Amino acid sequence: MRMRNVAYMTAMAGLLIGSATQAEAYLGPGAGLSAIGSVVSVISAVFLAIAGFIWYPIKRLFKRAAPAAPVEAVELGDGLETGSK
């Protein structure tokens, strides 16, 4: 964008914001709590998405770098021998 367009759009945004009047409306407790809950959920979802994208590659690096634990042989069965073969 050219500088002239940016200045024009900034001036128009300033006029629109400056000419806003007070809204005489009532926001009840149910609507207010719903709005707060929605904002908190969106912020939490964004934070968890970012944390997941960062943590998953780090977790893979740790698994790849750690030596594998030796596998022990385990005898299967319930321990009750019937004597027949």
N, C-alpha and C. Protein backbone atom coordinates (compact mmCIF):
# COMPACT_ATOMS: atom_id res chain seq x y z
N MET A 1 0.83 -1.18 0.00
CA MET A 1 0.00 0.00 0.00
C MET A 1 0.88 1.24 0.00
N ARG A 2 0.37 2.22 -0.63
CA ARG A 2 1.11 3.48 -0.62
C ARG A 2 0.86 4.21 0.70
N MET A 3 1.77 5.11 1.02
CA MET A 3 1.69 5.85 2.27
C MET A 3 0.42 6.70 2.34
N ARG A 4 -0.03 7.19 1.18
CA ARG A 4 -1.23 8.02 1.16
C ARG A 4 -2.46 7.20 1.56
N ASN A 5 -2.54 5.96 1.07
CA ASN A 5 -3.67 5.09 1.42
C ASN A 5 -3.66 4.75 2.91
N VAL A 6 -2.46 4.51 3.45
CA VAL A 6 -2.36 4.19 4.87
C VAL A 6 -2.83 5.37 5.71
N ALA A 7 -2.41 6.58 5.34
CA ALA A 7 -2.82 7.78 6.08
C ALA A 7 -4.33 7.99 5.98
N TYR A 8 -4.88 7.75 4.82
CA TYR A 8 -6.33 7.90 4.62
C TYR A 8 -7.10 6.89 5.49
N MET A 9 -6.67 5.65 5.47
CA MET A 9 -7.37 4.62 6.25
C MET A 9 -7.23 4.88 7.74
N THR A 10 -6.07 5.36 8.19
CA THR A 10 -5.88 5.68 9.60
C THR A 10 -6.80 6.84 10.01
N ALA A 11 -6.92 7.85 9.16
CA ALA A 11 -7.80 8.98 9.45
C ALA A 11 -9.25 8.53 9.53
N MET A 12 -9.66 7.67 8.62
CA MET A 12 -11.05 7.18 8.61
C MET A 12 -11.33 6.34 9.87
N ALA A 13 -10.39 5.49 10.25
CA ALA A 13 -10.57 4.68 11.45
C ALA A 13 -10.66 5.57 12.69
N GLY A 14 -9.83 6.61 12.73
CA GLY A 14 -9.88 7.55 13.85
C GLY A 14 -11.21 8.28 13.93
N LEU A 15 -11.75 8.69 12.77
CA LEU A 15 -13.05 9.36 12.76
C LEU A 15 -14.17 8.43 13.22
N LEU A 16 -14.12 7.19 12.76
CA LEU A 16 -15.16 6.23 13.16
C LEU A 16 -15.11 5.94 14.66
N ILE A 17 -13.91 5.77 15.18
CA ILE A 17 -13.78 5.48 16.61
C ILE A 17 -14.16 6.71 17.44
N GLY A 18 -13.76 7.88 16.97
CA GLY A 18 -14.05 9.11 17.70
C GLY A 18 -15.52 9.49 17.69
N SER A 19 -16.26 9.07 16.69
CA SER A 19 -17.66 9.45 16.59
C SER A 19 -18.61 8.43 17.22
N ALA A 20 -18.07 7.40 17.84
CA ALA A 20 -18.92 6.39 18.47
C ALA A 20 -19.62 6.98 19.69
N THR A 21 -20.89 6.68 19.83
CA THR A 21 -21.65 7.18 20.97
C THR A 21 -21.84 6.05 21.98
N GLN A 22 -22.29 6.42 23.14
CA GLN A 22 -22.49 5.45 24.20
C GLN A 22 -23.68 4.55 23.86
N ALA A 23 -23.49 3.27 24.01
CA ALA A 23 -24.59 2.33 23.79
C ALA A 23 -25.30 2.13 25.12
N GLU A 24 -26.56 2.42 25.15
CA GLU A 24 -27.32 2.26 26.38
C GLU A 24 -28.00 0.89 26.34
N ALA A 25 -27.24 -0.09 26.74
CA ALA A 25 -27.74 -1.46 26.70
C ALA A 25 -27.36 -2.15 28.01
N TYR A 26 -28.13 -3.13 28.37
CA TYR A 26 -27.89 -3.88 29.59
C TYR A 26 -27.28 -5.23 29.23
N LEU A 27 -26.20 -5.55 29.87
CA LEU A 27 -25.55 -6.85 29.68
C LEU A 27 -25.76 -7.63 30.97
N GLY A 28 -26.65 -8.60 30.93
CA GLY A 28 -26.98 -9.36 32.13
C GLY A 28 -25.86 -10.27 32.58
N PRO A 29 -26.00 -10.82 33.78
CA PRO A 29 -24.94 -11.67 34.32
C PRO A 29 -24.73 -12.95 33.51
N GLY A 30 -25.78 -13.50 32.97
CA GLY A 30 -25.64 -14.73 32.18
C GLY A 30 -24.87 -14.49 30.90
N ALA A 31 -25.20 -13.41 30.21
CA ALA A 31 -24.50 -13.08 28.97
C ALA A 31 -23.06 -12.68 29.25
N GLY A 32 -22.85 -11.96 30.35
CA GLY A 32 -21.49 -11.55 30.71
C GLY A 32 -20.61 -12.74 31.03
N LEU A 33 -21.12 -13.68 31.82
CA LEU A 33 -20.35 -14.88 32.15
C LEU A 33 -20.11 -15.74 30.91
N SER A 34 -21.06 -15.79 30.02
CA SER A 34 -20.88 -16.55 28.78
C SER A 34 -19.78 -15.92 27.93
N ALA A 35 -19.77 -14.60 27.85
CA ALA A 35 -18.74 -13.90 27.08
C ALA A 35 -17.37 -14.12 27.69
N ILE A 36 -17.27 -14.02 29.01
CA ILE A 36 -15.99 -14.25 29.68
C ILE A 36 -15.54 -15.69 29.46
N GLY A 37 -16.45 -16.64 29.59
CA GLY A 37 -16.11 -18.05 29.37
C GLY A 37 -15.64 -18.32 27.96
N SER A 38 -16.27 -17.68 26.99
CA SER A 38 -15.87 -17.86 25.59
C SER A 38 -14.47 -17.31 25.35
N VAL A 39 -14.19 -16.14 25.89
CA VAL A 39 -12.86 -15.55 25.72
C VAL A 39 -11.79 -16.41 26.38
N VAL A 40 -12.06 -16.89 27.59
CA VAL A 40 -11.10 -17.75 28.29
C VAL A 40 -10.87 -19.04 27.51
N SER A 41 -11.93 -19.64 26.94
CA SER A 41 -11.76 -20.88 26.19
C SER A 41 -10.95 -20.68 24.92
N VAL A 42 -11.19 -19.58 24.22
CA VAL A 42 -10.43 -19.33 22.99
C VAL A 42 -8.95 -19.10 23.32
N ILE A 43 -8.68 -18.32 24.36
CA ILE A 43 -7.29 -18.08 24.75
C ILE A 43 -6.62 -19.39 25.17
N SER A 44 -7.33 -20.23 25.92
CA SER A 44 -6.78 -21.51 26.35
C SER A 44 -6.52 -22.42 25.15
N ALA A 45 -7.42 -22.46 24.21
CA ALA A 45 -7.24 -23.32 23.03
C ALA A 45 -6.04 -22.87 22.21
N VAL A 46 -5.86 -21.57 22.05
CA VAL A 46 -4.71 -21.07 21.31
C VAL A 46 -3.42 -21.41 22.05
N PHE A 47 -3.40 -21.20 23.36
CA PHE A 47 -2.21 -21.51 24.16
C PHE A 47 -1.87 -23.00 24.09
N LEU A 48 -2.86 -23.86 24.22
CA LEU A 48 -2.60 -25.30 24.18
C LEU A 48 -2.16 -25.76 22.79
N ALA A 49 -2.69 -25.14 21.75
CA ALA A 49 -2.25 -25.48 20.39
C ALA A 49 -0.79 -25.11 20.19
N ILE A 50 -0.41 -23.93 20.64
CA ILE A 50 0.99 -23.51 20.52
C ILE A 50 1.88 -24.42 21.35
N ALA A 51 1.47 -24.72 22.58
CA ALA A 51 2.26 -25.60 23.45
C ALA A 51 2.40 -26.99 22.83
N GLY A 52 1.34 -27.49 22.20
CA GLY A 52 1.42 -28.81 21.57
C GLY A 52 2.38 -28.83 20.39
N PHE A 53 2.36 -27.77 19.58
CA PHE A 53 3.27 -27.70 18.44
C PHE A 53 4.71 -27.56 18.89
N ILE A 54 4.95 -26.97 20.05
CA ILE A 54 6.31 -26.83 20.54
C ILE A 54 6.75 -28.10 21.28
N TRP A 55 5.87 -28.68 22.10
CA TRP A 55 6.25 -29.81 22.95
C TRP A 55 6.43 -31.10 22.17
N TYR A 56 5.63 -31.36 21.16
CA TYR A 56 5.70 -32.64 20.45
C TYR A 56 7.07 -32.91 19.82
N PRO A 57 7.67 -31.97 19.10
CA PRO A 57 9.02 -32.24 18.57
C PRO A 57 10.07 -32.43 19.66
N ILE A 58 9.93 -31.69 20.77
CA ILE A 58 10.89 -31.85 21.87
C ILE A 58 10.75 -33.24 22.48
N LYS A 59 9.53 -33.72 22.64
CA LYS A 59 9.29 -35.05 23.20
C LYS A 59 9.89 -36.12 22.29
N ARG A 60 9.76 -35.95 20.98
CA ARG A 60 10.35 -36.91 20.04
C ARG A 60 11.86 -36.92 20.13
N LEU A 61 12.47 -35.75 20.31
CA LEU A 61 13.92 -35.70 20.46
C LEU A 61 14.37 -36.41 21.73
N PHE A 62 13.64 -36.24 22.82
CA PHE A 62 13.99 -36.93 24.06
C PHE A 62 13.87 -38.44 23.92
N LYS A 63 12.83 -38.92 23.26
CA LYS A 63 12.66 -40.36 23.07
C LYS A 63 13.76 -40.94 22.20
N ARG A 64 14.17 -40.20 21.18
CA ARG A 64 15.20 -40.68 20.27
C ARG A 64 16.56 -40.70 20.97
N ALA A 65 16.83 -39.74 21.85
CA ALA A 65 18.12 -39.64 22.51
C ALA A 65 18.26 -40.61 23.67
N ALA A 66 17.17 -41.03 24.29
CA ALA A 66 17.23 -41.92 25.45
C ALA A 66 17.55 -43.34 25.00
N PRO A 67 18.45 -44.02 25.72
CA PRO A 67 18.75 -45.41 25.37
C PRO A 67 17.56 -46.31 25.69
N ALA A 68 17.40 -47.31 24.88
CA ALA A 68 16.27 -48.23 25.08
C ALA A 68 16.54 -49.11 26.29
N ALA A 69 15.52 -49.31 27.10
CA ALA A 69 15.64 -50.16 28.28
C ALA A 69 15.64 -51.62 27.84
N PRO A 70 16.44 -52.46 28.50
CA PRO A 70 16.44 -53.88 28.12
C PRO A 70 15.09 -54.53 28.42
N VAL A 71 14.69 -55.41 27.55
CA VAL A 71 13.41 -56.09 27.70
C VAL A 71 13.63 -57.39 28.45
N GLU A 72 12.86 -57.60 29.52
CA GLU A 72 12.98 -58.82 30.31
C GLU A 72 11.96 -59.84 29.83
N ALA A 73 12.38 -61.11 29.85
CA ALA A 73 11.47 -62.19 29.46
C ALA A 73 10.47 -62.43 30.59
N VAL A 74 9.22 -62.56 30.23
CA VAL A 74 8.17 -62.79 31.21
C VAL A 74 7.49 -64.11 30.85
N GLU A 75 7.36 -64.99 31.85
CA GLU A 75 6.70 -66.27 31.61
C GLU A 75 5.20 -66.07 31.71
N LEU A 76 4.49 -66.48 30.68
CA LEU A 76 3.05 -66.34 30.67
C LEU A 76 2.38 -67.55 31.30
N GLY A 77 1.28 -67.34 31.89
CA GLY A 77 0.52 -68.42 32.50
C GLY A 77 -0.02 -67.98 33.85
N ASP A 78 -0.90 -68.80 34.41
CA ASP A 78 -1.51 -68.43 35.68
C ASP A 78 -0.79 -69.07 36.87
N GLY A 79 0.25 -69.88 36.62
CA GLY A 79 1.00 -70.48 37.71
C GLY A 79 0.42 -71.79 38.20
N LEU A 80 -0.70 -72.23 37.68
CA LEU A 80 -1.31 -73.47 38.09
C LEU A 80 -0.93 -74.56 37.07
N GLU A 81 -0.12 -75.49 37.51
CA GLU A 81 0.30 -76.58 36.63
C GLU A 81 -0.62 -77.77 36.82
N THR A 82 -1.11 -78.31 35.74
CA THR A 82 -2.04 -79.45 35.84
C THR A 82 -1.29 -80.78 35.78
N GLY A 83 -0.06 -80.77 35.34
CA GLY A 83 0.72 -82.00 35.28
C GLY A 83 0.56 -82.73 33.95
N SER A 84 -0.43 -82.43 33.16
CA SER A 84 -0.58 -83.10 31.87
C SER A 84 0.12 -82.30 30.80
N LYS A 85 0.70 -83.06 29.84
CA LYS A 85 1.40 -82.40 28.75
C LYS A 85 0.86 -82.83 27.42
